[in-house]
Amino acid sequence: MSKTLISSGTIATNKKARFNYVIQETYEAGIMLTGGEVKSLRAGRATINESYASIEKDGAVYLINAHIAEYTNAKGGFIEQSATRKRKLLLHAKEINKLRGAIEQKGKTLVPLELYFNARGIAKVKIAVAIGKNHADKREDIKKREWDIVKRRILTQHN
C-alpha cells in the first residue's frame, strides 16, 4: 500500500472558476482544519468545485461546501464531522475589510481557485474576488480559445 502523500503542491483546483467568472483579485488564506482533514488533504481527497467563500456576521471569512473526505484510518477518540462543513479561513483584518468592501459591490463574489500546501507544508486556499460571466462572455472565451488552437496549428505547419 504505497500511496504517495502530498507534502507540497496543489491538492485541488476549481477548473470551472476561470470559465464562469472574471477574476479580479486573488488572496492566499490559511484554513482551520482538524487533524483528520489534514491527513485527507495529504492523500489528495478534496474537491472545491462547488464551493464558495463568504464573510459571516462575526467578521470571519468561511469556506463553504468544500468537500474534504473523512479520514478513514483514524483511531478512536476522534470527532466525526461533515465532509462539507464550514471551515474558517485565516486572513489579516485588513484583507477581510478589503474583501468585505469588494463583495458589497453588485455582482461580486468570493470564489476559491486552488487548495494547496505551501513550501512549509501548511494548507492554504487561494480565493478570488470575481464577477460572474454571462452566456455571451462564455461563448466569446470559447471562440477565442478555438481560434488560438487553429492559429497555433497553422504556425506549426508553416515552420
Protein backbone atom coordinates (compact mmCIF):
# COMPACT_ATOMS: atom_id res chain seq x y z
CA MET A 1 0.00 0.00 0.00
CA SER A 2 2.41 2.70 -1.18
CA LYS A 3 0.12 5.67 -1.67
CA THR A 4 2.03 8.86 -2.23
CA LEU A 5 1.21 11.68 0.15
CA ILE A 6 1.20 15.32 -0.87
CA SER A 7 3.55 17.41 1.26
CA SER A 8 3.68 20.46 -1.01
CA GLY A 9 1.87 21.49 -4.16
CA THR A 10 -1.69 21.53 -5.42
CA ILE A 11 -4.36 19.37 -3.83
CA ALA A 12 -7.46 20.57 -5.70
CA THR A 13 -8.28 23.24 -8.29
CA ASN A 14 -11.55 24.83 -9.29
CA LYS A 15 -11.28 24.48 -13.08
CA LYS A 16 -14.70 25.98 -13.75
CA ALA A 17 -13.93 29.19 -11.81
CA ARG A 18 -11.99 30.89 -14.61
CA PHE A 19 -14.66 29.85 -17.13
CA ASN A 20 -17.64 31.04 -15.05
CA TYR A 21 -16.07 34.16 -13.50
CA VAL A 22 -13.85 37.10 -14.36
CA ILE A 23 -11.11 37.02 -11.71
CA GLN A 24 -10.19 40.46 -10.32
CA GLU A 25 -8.02 39.96 -7.22
CA THR A 26 -6.60 36.90 -5.50
CA TYR A 27 -5.74 36.31 -1.86
CA GLU A 28 -3.95 33.50 -0.04
CA ALA A 29 -5.65 32.29 3.13
CA GLY A 30 -4.90 29.63 5.70
CA ILE A 31 -7.63 27.16 6.68
CA MET A 32 -8.61 25.91 10.13
CA LEU A 33 -8.65 22.12 9.81
CA THR A 34 -8.79 19.10 12.09
CA GLY A 35 -6.01 16.52 12.07
CA GLY A 36 -8.03 14.01 10.07
CA GLU A 37 -8.82 16.64 7.44
CA VAL A 38 -5.13 17.43 7.01
CA LYS A 39 -4.40 13.73 6.54
CA SER A 40 -7.16 13.51 3.93
CA LEU A 41 -5.68 16.52 2.13
CA ARG A 42 -2.25 14.88 2.14
CA ALA A 43 -3.89 11.86 0.48
CA GLY A 44 -5.37 14.24 -2.14
CA ARG A 45 -9.00 13.57 -1.18
CA ALA A 46 -10.61 17.00 -1.60
CA THR A 47 -12.67 18.96 -4.12
CA ILE A 48 -13.56 22.66 -4.24
CA ASN A 49 -15.61 22.73 -7.46
CA GLU A 50 -18.94 23.58 -5.83
CA SER A 51 -17.53 25.69 -3.00
CA TYR A 52 -17.53 29.42 -2.30
CA ALA A 53 -16.36 31.77 0.45
CA SER A 54 -18.43 34.25 2.44
CA ILE A 55 -17.97 36.79 5.21
CA GLU A 56 -20.25 35.99 8.14
CA LYS A 57 -21.76 38.39 10.68
CA ASP A 58 -18.93 37.69 13.14
CA GLY A 59 -16.48 39.24 10.65
CA ALA A 60 -14.72 35.99 9.77
CA VAL A 61 -14.38 34.51 6.29
CA TYR A 62 -15.56 30.91 5.81
CA LEU A 63 -15.06 28.37 3.05
CA ILE A 64 -18.43 26.76 2.45
CA ASN A 65 -19.26 23.48 0.72
CA ALA A 66 -15.64 22.40 0.13
CA HIS A 67 -15.54 18.62 0.26
CA ILE A 68 -12.67 17.12 2.27
CA ALA A 69 -13.23 13.38 2.63
CA GLU A 70 -13.36 11.83 6.07
CA TYR A 71 -10.08 10.23 7.12
CA THR A 72 -10.85 6.52 7.38
CA ASN A 73 -7.75 5.32 9.26
CA ALA A 74 -8.35 7.46 12.35
CA LYS A 75 -8.11 5.68 15.68
CA GLY A 76 -10.63 6.12 18.49
CA GLY A 77 -11.20 9.48 20.15
CA PHE A 78 -11.84 11.50 17.02
CA ILE A 79 -14.88 13.64 16.37
CA GLU A 80 -16.85 12.69 13.28
CA GLN A 81 -17.61 15.78 11.18
CA SER A 82 -19.35 16.51 7.94
CA ALA A 83 -17.15 16.41 4.84
CA THR A 84 -18.66 19.69 3.61
CA ARG A 85 -18.71 21.66 6.87
CA LYS A 86 -17.91 25.40 7.05
CA ARG A 87 -14.19 25.98 7.52
CA LYS A 88 -12.81 29.26 8.81
CA LEU A 89 -10.26 31.00 6.59
CA LEU A 90 -7.36 32.79 8.24
CA LEU A 91 -6.79 36.28 6.84
CA HIS A 92 -5.49 39.57 8.23
CA ALA A 93 -8.12 42.10 9.34
CA LYS A 94 -7.00 44.48 6.58
CA GLU A 95 -7.58 41.78 3.95
CA ILE A 96 -11.02 40.94 5.37
CA ASN A 97 -12.02 44.61 5.21
CA LYS A 98 -10.85 44.79 1.58
CA LEU A 99 -12.84 41.66 0.75
CA ARG A 100 -15.93 42.98 2.52
CA GLY A 101 -15.75 46.21 0.51
CA ALA A 102 -15.26 44.30 -2.73
CA ILE A 103 -18.16 41.85 -2.35
CA GLU A 104 -20.60 44.55 -1.26
CA GLN A 105 -20.45 45.80 -4.86
CA LYS A 106 -23.13 44.33 -7.09
CA GLY A 107 -22.31 41.03 -8.78
CA LYS A 108 -19.04 40.27 -6.97
CA THR A 109 -18.41 37.08 -5.06
CA LEU A 110 -15.58 35.13 -3.40
CA VAL A 111 -14.53 32.00 -5.26
CA PRO A 112 -11.84 29.51 -4.22
CA LEU A 113 -9.41 28.82 -7.06
CA GLU A 114 -6.93 26.38 -5.58
CA LEU A 115 -6.30 24.33 -2.45
CA TYR A 116 -2.62 23.54 -1.85
CA PHE A 117 0.22 23.01 0.60
CA ASN A 118 2.80 25.80 0.60
CA ALA A 119 6.58 25.24 0.81
CA ARG A 120 6.37 24.84 4.60
CA GLY A 121 3.67 22.16 4.27
CA ILE A 122 0.78 24.35 5.53
CA ALA A 123 -2.63 24.01 3.88
CA LYS A 124 -3.66 27.18 2.03
CA VAL A 125 -6.51 28.20 -0.23
CA LYS A 126 -6.29 30.82 -2.98
CA ILE A 127 -9.55 32.79 -3.08
CA ALA A 128 -10.52 35.39 -5.66
CA VAL A 129 -12.86 38.34 -5.88
CA ALA A 130 -14.79 37.54 -9.04
CA ILE A 131 -17.65 38.73 -11.22
CA GLY A 132 -19.93 36.15 -12.86
CA LYS A 133 -19.78 35.90 -16.65
CA ASN A 134 -22.93 35.84 -18.72
CA HIS A 135 -23.58 33.36 -21.53
CA ALA A 136 -22.24 35.66 -24.26
CA ASP A 137 -18.94 36.16 -22.41
CA LYS A 138 -18.50 32.41 -22.07
CA ARG A 139 -19.15 31.89 -25.80
CA GLU A 140 -16.59 34.59 -26.61
CA ASP A 141 -14.00 32.77 -24.46
CA ILE A 142 -14.70 29.50 -26.29
CA LYS A 143 -14.31 31.20 -29.69
CA LYS A 144 -11.03 32.81 -28.62
CA ARG A 145 -9.67 29.51 -27.29
CA GLU A 146 -10.61 27.65 -30.51
CA TRP A 147 -9.05 30.39 -32.67
CA ASP A 148 -5.82 30.17 -30.66
CA ILE A 149 -5.69 26.42 -31.31
CA VAL A 150 -6.18 26.94 -35.06
CA LYS A 151 -3.57 29.72 -35.09
CA ARG A 152 -1.03 27.51 -33.32
CA ARG A 153 -1.73 24.67 -35.77
CA ILE A 154 -1.22 26.96 -38.78
CA LEU A 155 2.04 28.36 -37.39
CA THR A 156 3.50 24.91 -36.69
CA GLN A 157 2.63 23.68 -40.21
CA HIS A 158 4.39 26.62 -41.90
CA ASN A 159 7.64 26.32 -39.89
